[in-house]
């Protein structure tokens, strides 16, 4: 993927990229810490992409490969994969570890990023 900051779903390329596109984001970001060898991570990826796409641009999804960015995984105390967290205004506001159903992920995300009231 390219490095434009507006993409709702992107792969983190460097620590600076993470800081610019996640920590300094103007909206909440779901961070997916994963590994290429992790089967549950592979199963979770399309679920996450669909759920983020359903949000209508209210949140973004950043994918962090722990084998390429081990220091970021250590910074955020990632002990196993898949590990998800929502970062809003530079702070972790919710965490989840392991493969979960789409419905569970939607509820988890809604706790961290409530839908606006109409």
N, C-alpha and C. Protein backbone atom coordinates (compact mmCIF):
# COMPACT_ATOMS: atom_id res chain seq x y z
N UNK A 1 0.83 -1.18 0.00
CA UNK A 1 0.00 0.00 0.00
C UNK A 1 0.88 1.24 0.00
N UNK A 2 0.30 2.31 -0.47
CA UNK A 2 1.05 3.56 -0.48
C UNK A 2 1.01 4.21 0.89
N UNK A 3 1.74 5.28 1.07
CA UNK A 3 1.89 5.89 2.38
C UNK A 3 0.99 7.10 2.62
N UNK A 4 -0.12 7.19 1.93
CA UNK A 4 -1.01 8.30 2.21
C UNK A 4 -1.69 8.09 3.55
N UNK A 5 -1.83 9.14 4.32
CA UNK A 5 -2.39 9.04 5.66
C UNK A 5 -3.90 8.88 5.69
N UNK A 6 -4.57 8.93 4.57
CA UNK A 6 -6.02 8.90 4.53
C UNK A 6 -6.59 7.50 4.31
N UNK A 7 -5.77 6.54 3.98
CA UNK A 7 -6.29 5.20 3.72
C UNK A 7 -6.85 4.60 5.00
N UNK A 8 -8.03 3.99 4.93
CA UNK A 8 -8.61 3.42 6.14
C UNK A 8 -7.90 2.14 6.59
N UNK A 9 -7.25 1.44 5.67
CA UNK A 9 -6.55 0.19 6.00
C UNK A 9 -5.15 0.27 5.41
N UNK A 10 -4.13 0.08 6.26
CA UNK A 10 -2.76 0.21 5.77
C UNK A 10 -1.80 -0.65 6.59
N UNK A 11 -0.67 -0.98 5.97
CA UNK A 11 0.42 -1.69 6.63
C UNK A 11 1.41 -0.67 7.17
N UNK A 12 1.79 -0.82 8.42
CA UNK A 12 2.79 0.07 9.01
C UNK A 12 4.15 -0.30 8.43
N UNK A 13 4.87 0.71 7.94
CA UNK A 13 6.15 0.46 7.27
C UNK A 13 7.36 0.75 8.15
N UNK A 14 7.27 1.74 9.04
CA UNK A 14 8.38 2.12 9.91
C UNK A 14 7.82 2.65 11.23
N UNK A 15 8.70 2.85 12.21
CA UNK A 15 8.26 3.44 13.48
C UNK A 15 7.70 4.85 13.24
N UNK A 16 8.36 5.62 12.38
CA UNK A 16 7.89 6.98 12.07
C UNK A 16 6.51 6.92 11.42
N UNK A 17 6.31 5.97 10.53
CA UNK A 17 5.02 5.76 9.88
C UNK A 17 3.95 5.47 10.95
N UNK A 18 4.28 4.62 11.93
CA UNK A 18 3.36 4.30 13.02
C UNK A 18 3.00 5.56 13.80
N UNK A 19 4.00 6.35 14.12
CA UNK A 19 3.75 7.58 14.88
C UNK A 19 2.85 8.54 14.11
N UNK A 20 3.14 8.71 12.82
CA UNK A 20 2.37 9.66 12.01
C UNK A 20 0.95 9.19 11.76
N UNK A 21 0.79 7.91 11.43
CA UNK A 21 -0.51 7.42 10.97
C UNK A 21 -1.37 6.79 12.06
N UNK A 22 -0.75 6.45 13.20
CA UNK A 22 -1.51 5.85 14.29
C UNK A 22 -1.57 6.79 15.49
N UNK A 23 -0.41 7.09 16.06
CA UNK A 23 -0.36 7.93 17.26
C UNK A 23 -0.95 9.31 17.00
N UNK A 24 -0.63 9.91 15.86
CA UNK A 24 -1.09 11.27 15.54
C UNK A 24 -2.34 11.30 14.67
N UNK A 25 -3.04 10.18 14.56
CA UNK A 25 -4.23 10.11 13.72
C UNK A 25 -5.35 11.00 14.27
N UNK A 26 -6.12 11.57 13.36
CA UNK A 26 -7.25 12.41 13.75
C UNK A 26 -8.49 11.58 14.08
N UNK A 27 -8.38 10.27 13.97
CA UNK A 27 -9.49 9.38 14.34
C UNK A 27 -8.91 8.11 14.95
N UNK A 28 -9.73 7.33 15.66
CA UNK A 28 -9.22 6.10 16.28
C UNK A 28 -8.67 5.12 15.24
N UNK A 29 -7.67 4.36 15.67
CA UNK A 29 -7.04 3.37 14.80
C UNK A 29 -7.04 2.02 15.51
N UNK A 30 -7.55 1.00 14.83
CA UNK A 30 -7.43 -0.37 15.31
C UNK A 30 -6.07 -0.85 14.83
N UNK A 31 -5.23 -1.30 15.76
CA UNK A 31 -3.90 -1.79 15.40
C UNK A 31 -3.93 -3.31 15.52
N UNK A 32 -3.60 -3.98 14.42
CA UNK A 32 -3.58 -5.44 14.34
C UNK A 32 -2.12 -5.89 14.35
N UNK A 33 -1.66 -6.37 15.50
CA UNK A 33 -0.32 -6.97 15.59
C UNK A 33 -0.46 -8.42 15.17
N UNK A 34 0.24 -8.80 14.10
CA UNK A 34 0.10 -10.14 13.53
C UNK A 34 1.45 -10.65 13.06
N UNK A 35 1.45 -11.89 12.56
CA UNK A 35 2.65 -12.49 11.97
C UNK A 35 2.23 -13.32 10.76
N UNK A 36 3.10 -13.38 9.77
CA UNK A 36 2.78 -14.10 8.53
C UNK A 36 2.60 -15.60 8.77
N UNK A 37 3.23 -16.15 9.79
CA UNK A 37 3.15 -17.59 10.09
C UNK A 37 1.97 -17.95 10.99
N UNK A 38 1.19 -16.97 11.41
CA UNK A 38 0.11 -17.16 12.39
C UNK A 38 -1.22 -17.44 11.69
N UNK A 39 -1.71 -18.68 11.80
CA UNK A 39 -2.98 -19.05 11.15
C UNK A 39 -4.18 -18.27 11.69
N UNK A 40 -4.33 -18.10 13.02
CA UNK A 40 -5.44 -17.27 13.51
C UNK A 40 -5.38 -15.83 12.99
N UNK A 41 -4.17 -15.31 12.80
CA UNK A 41 -4.03 -13.95 12.26
C UNK A 41 -4.60 -13.89 10.84
N UNK A 42 -4.32 -14.93 10.06
CA UNK A 42 -4.82 -14.97 8.68
C UNK A 42 -6.34 -15.05 8.65
N UNK A 43 -6.92 -15.77 9.61
CA UNK A 43 -8.37 -15.88 9.68
C UNK A 43 -9.01 -14.57 10.14
N UNK A 44 -8.33 -13.85 11.01
CA UNK A 44 -8.86 -12.61 11.56
C UNK A 44 -8.81 -11.45 10.56
N UNK A 45 -7.82 -11.42 9.71
CA UNK A 45 -7.59 -10.28 8.81
C UNK A 45 -8.82 -9.87 8.00
N UNK A 46 -9.49 -10.79 7.28
CA UNK A 46 -10.65 -10.34 6.50
C UNK A 46 -11.81 -9.87 7.37
N UNK A 47 -11.97 -10.45 8.56
CA UNK A 47 -13.02 -9.99 9.48
C UNK A 47 -12.77 -8.54 9.88
N UNK A 48 -11.52 -8.26 10.24
CA UNK A 48 -11.17 -6.89 10.64
C UNK A 48 -11.38 -5.90 9.50
N UNK A 49 -10.93 -6.27 8.32
CA UNK A 49 -11.09 -5.38 7.16
C UNK A 49 -12.56 -5.07 6.91
N UNK A 50 -13.41 -6.09 7.00
CA UNK A 50 -14.85 -5.87 6.79
C UNK A 50 -15.43 -4.96 7.86
N UNK A 51 -15.08 -5.20 9.11
CA UNK A 51 -15.62 -4.41 10.22
C UNK A 51 -15.17 -2.96 10.12
N UNK A 52 -13.91 -2.73 9.81
CA UNK A 52 -13.42 -1.35 9.65
C UNK A 52 -14.11 -0.68 8.46
N UNK A 53 -14.31 -1.41 7.38
CA UNK A 53 -15.00 -0.85 6.21
C UNK A 53 -16.44 -0.46 6.55
N UNK A 54 -17.07 -1.21 7.44
CA UNK A 54 -18.45 -0.91 7.85
C UNK A 54 -18.56 0.40 8.64
N UNK A 55 -17.46 0.88 9.16
CA UNK A 55 -17.48 2.05 10.05
C UNK A 55 -17.58 3.38 9.32
N UNK A 56 -17.57 3.35 8.00
CA UNK A 56 -17.77 4.57 7.23
C UNK A 56 -16.69 5.63 7.43
N UNK A 57 -15.45 5.19 7.64
CA UNK A 57 -14.35 6.14 7.78
C UNK A 57 -14.13 6.67 9.18
N UNK A 58 -14.91 6.20 10.16
CA UNK A 58 -14.75 6.68 11.55
C UNK A 58 -13.49 6.13 12.20
N UNK A 59 -13.01 4.98 11.73
CA UNK A 59 -11.79 4.37 12.27
C UNK A 59 -10.91 3.89 11.12
N UNK A 60 -9.65 3.69 11.44
CA UNK A 60 -8.70 3.13 10.48
C UNK A 60 -8.16 1.82 11.03
N UNK A 61 -7.54 1.03 10.17
CA UNK A 61 -6.92 -0.23 10.56
C UNK A 61 -5.46 -0.19 10.16
N UNK A 62 -4.57 -0.34 11.14
CA UNK A 62 -3.13 -0.39 10.90
C UNK A 62 -2.66 -1.81 11.17
N UNK A 63 -1.99 -2.41 10.21
CA UNK A 63 -1.47 -3.77 10.37
C UNK A 63 0.02 -3.69 10.66
N UNK A 64 0.43 -4.35 11.76
CA UNK A 64 1.83 -4.34 12.18
C UNK A 64 2.33 -5.78 12.23
N UNK A 65 3.26 -6.12 11.35
CA UNK A 65 3.88 -7.45 11.35
C UNK A 65 4.94 -7.47 12.45
N UNK A 66 4.74 -8.33 13.46
CA UNK A 66 5.66 -8.33 14.61
C UNK A 66 7.06 -8.80 14.25
N UNK A 67 7.20 -9.57 13.18
CA UNK A 67 8.53 -10.00 12.76
C UNK A 67 9.31 -8.86 12.12
N UNK A 68 8.61 -7.92 11.51
CA UNK A 68 9.26 -6.76 10.90
C UNK A 68 9.40 -5.60 11.89
N UNK A 69 8.50 -5.55 12.86
CA UNK A 69 8.46 -4.42 13.81
C UNK A 69 8.37 -4.93 15.24
N UNK A 70 9.34 -5.75 15.62
CA UNK A 70 9.36 -6.33 16.96
C UNK A 70 9.43 -5.29 18.06
N UNK A 71 10.12 -4.17 17.78
CA UNK A 71 10.23 -3.13 18.81
C UNK A 71 8.88 -2.49 19.11
N UNK A 72 8.03 -2.33 18.10
CA UNK A 72 6.68 -1.80 18.35
C UNK A 72 5.86 -2.79 19.17
N UNK A 73 6.00 -4.08 18.84
CA UNK A 73 5.28 -5.11 19.60
C UNK A 73 5.72 -5.08 21.06
N UNK A 74 7.00 -4.92 21.31
CA UNK A 74 7.49 -4.85 22.69
C UNK A 74 7.00 -3.57 23.37
N UNK A 75 7.01 -2.46 22.66
CA UNK A 75 6.54 -1.19 23.23
C UNK A 75 5.10 -1.29 23.72
N UNK A 76 4.29 -2.10 23.03
CA UNK A 76 2.87 -2.23 23.37
C UNK A 76 2.56 -3.54 24.09
N UNK A 77 3.59 -4.19 24.63
CA UNK A 77 3.44 -5.41 25.43
C UNK A 77 2.64 -6.50 24.72
N UNK A 78 2.95 -6.70 23.44
CA UNK A 78 2.29 -7.75 22.68
C UNK A 78 3.00 -9.06 22.98
N UNK A 79 2.31 -9.97 23.67
CA UNK A 79 2.90 -11.24 24.06
C UNK A 79 2.49 -12.38 23.17
N UNK A 80 1.39 -12.21 22.43
CA UNK A 80 0.94 -13.24 21.50
C UNK A 80 0.16 -12.57 20.37
N UNK A 81 0.00 -13.31 19.30
CA UNK A 81 -0.73 -12.80 18.14
C UNK A 81 -1.86 -13.76 17.79
N UNK A 82 -2.94 -13.22 17.23
CA UNK A 82 -3.16 -11.81 16.95
C UNK A 82 -3.48 -11.02 18.22
N UNK A 83 -2.99 -9.80 18.26
CA UNK A 83 -3.32 -8.85 19.32
C UNK A 83 -3.86 -7.59 18.67
N UNK A 84 -4.99 -7.15 19.16
CA UNK A 84 -5.61 -5.94 18.64
C UNK A 84 -5.67 -4.89 19.72
N UNK A 85 -5.55 -3.65 19.32
CA UNK A 85 -5.80 -2.56 20.25
C UNK A 85 -6.38 -1.39 19.48
N UNK A 86 -7.14 -0.58 20.18
CA UNK A 86 -7.64 0.66 19.60
C UNK A 86 -6.81 1.78 20.22
N UNK A 87 -6.22 2.60 19.36
CA UNK A 87 -5.46 3.76 19.82
C UNK A 87 -6.21 5.00 19.37
N UNK A 88 -6.51 5.85 20.35
CA UNK A 88 -7.23 7.09 20.08
C UNK A 88 -6.53 8.22 20.82
N UNK A 89 -6.27 9.30 20.12
CA UNK A 89 -5.54 10.44 20.70
C UNK A 89 -4.21 9.99 21.31
N UNK A 90 -3.55 9.05 20.64
CA UNK A 90 -2.23 8.60 21.06
C UNK A 90 -2.21 7.61 22.21
N UNK A 91 -3.38 7.20 22.70
CA UNK A 91 -3.45 6.30 23.85
C UNK A 91 -4.23 5.03 23.53
N UNK A 92 -3.80 3.91 24.12
CA UNK A 92 -4.52 2.64 23.97
C UNK A 92 -5.79 2.73 24.80
N UNK A 93 -6.94 2.54 24.15
CA UNK A 93 -8.22 2.62 24.85
C UNK A 93 -8.92 1.27 24.97
N UNK A 94 -8.45 0.26 24.25
CA UNK A 94 -9.02 -1.08 24.35
C UNK A 94 -8.04 -2.07 23.74
N UNK A 95 -8.02 -3.30 24.30
CA UNK A 95 -7.12 -4.36 23.82
C UNK A 95 -7.89 -5.67 23.73
N UNK A 96 -7.42 -6.55 22.84
CA UNK A 96 -8.00 -7.88 22.70
C UNK A 96 -6.92 -8.80 22.14
N UNK A 97 -6.90 -10.03 22.61
CA UNK A 97 -5.94 -11.02 22.13
C UNK A 97 -6.69 -12.23 21.62
N UNK A 98 -6.26 -12.76 20.48
CA UNK A 98 -6.82 -14.01 19.97
C UNK A 98 -7.85 -13.81 18.88
N UNK A 99 -8.21 -14.92 18.26
CA UNK A 99 -9.20 -14.94 17.19
C UNK A 99 -10.59 -14.87 17.80
N UNK A 100 -11.39 -13.94 17.34
CA UNK A 100 -12.74 -13.74 17.85
C UNK A 100 -13.72 -13.68 16.69
N UNK A 101 -15.01 -13.83 17.01
CA UNK A 101 -16.04 -13.73 15.98
C UNK A 101 -16.20 -12.27 15.53
N UNK A 102 -16.79 -12.10 14.38
CA UNK A 102 -17.04 -10.74 13.88
C UNK A 102 -17.93 -9.97 14.83
N UNK A 103 -18.96 -10.62 15.36
CA UNK A 103 -19.88 -9.94 16.29
C UNK A 103 -19.15 -9.49 17.55
N UNK A 104 -18.29 -10.33 18.08
CA UNK A 104 -17.53 -9.97 19.27
C UNK A 104 -16.63 -8.76 18.99
N UNK A 105 -15.98 -8.76 17.82
CA UNK A 105 -15.09 -7.66 17.46
C UNK A 105 -15.88 -6.36 17.30
N UNK A 106 -17.07 -6.44 16.69
CA UNK A 106 -17.91 -5.24 16.55
C UNK A 106 -18.25 -4.65 17.92
N UNK A 107 -18.66 -5.51 18.86
CA UNK A 107 -19.00 -5.04 20.21
C UNK A 107 -17.77 -4.45 20.90
N UNK A 108 -16.63 -5.11 20.75
CA UNK A 108 -15.37 -4.64 21.34
C UNK A 108 -15.02 -3.26 20.79
N UNK A 109 -15.14 -3.10 19.48
CA UNK A 109 -14.82 -1.82 18.85
C UNK A 109 -15.81 -0.74 19.29
N UNK A 110 -17.08 -1.09 19.39
CA UNK A 110 -18.10 -0.12 19.79
C UNK A 110 -17.85 0.41 21.20
N UNK A 111 -17.31 -0.41 22.08
CA UNK A 111 -16.98 0.05 23.44
C UNK A 111 -15.91 1.13 23.40
N UNK A 112 -14.96 0.99 22.49
CA UNK A 112 -13.86 1.95 22.39
C UNK A 112 -14.22 3.16 21.53
N UNK A 113 -15.05 2.94 20.52
CA UNK A 113 -15.42 3.99 19.57
C UNK A 113 -16.94 3.96 19.40
N UNK A 114 -17.69 4.56 20.33
CA UNK A 114 -19.15 4.53 20.23
C UNK A 114 -19.65 5.19 18.95
N UNK A 115 -20.73 4.64 18.43
CA UNK A 115 -21.37 5.25 17.25
C UNK A 115 -21.97 6.58 17.64
N UNK A 116 -21.88 7.57 16.76
CA UNK A 116 -22.51 8.87 17.08
C UNK A 116 -24.03 8.70 17.15
N UNK A 117 -24.64 9.44 18.03
CA UNK A 117 -26.10 9.38 18.18
C UNK A 117 -26.74 10.28 17.12
N UNK A 118 -27.77 9.77 16.48
CA UNK A 118 -28.47 10.54 15.43
C UNK A 118 -29.65 11.27 16.01
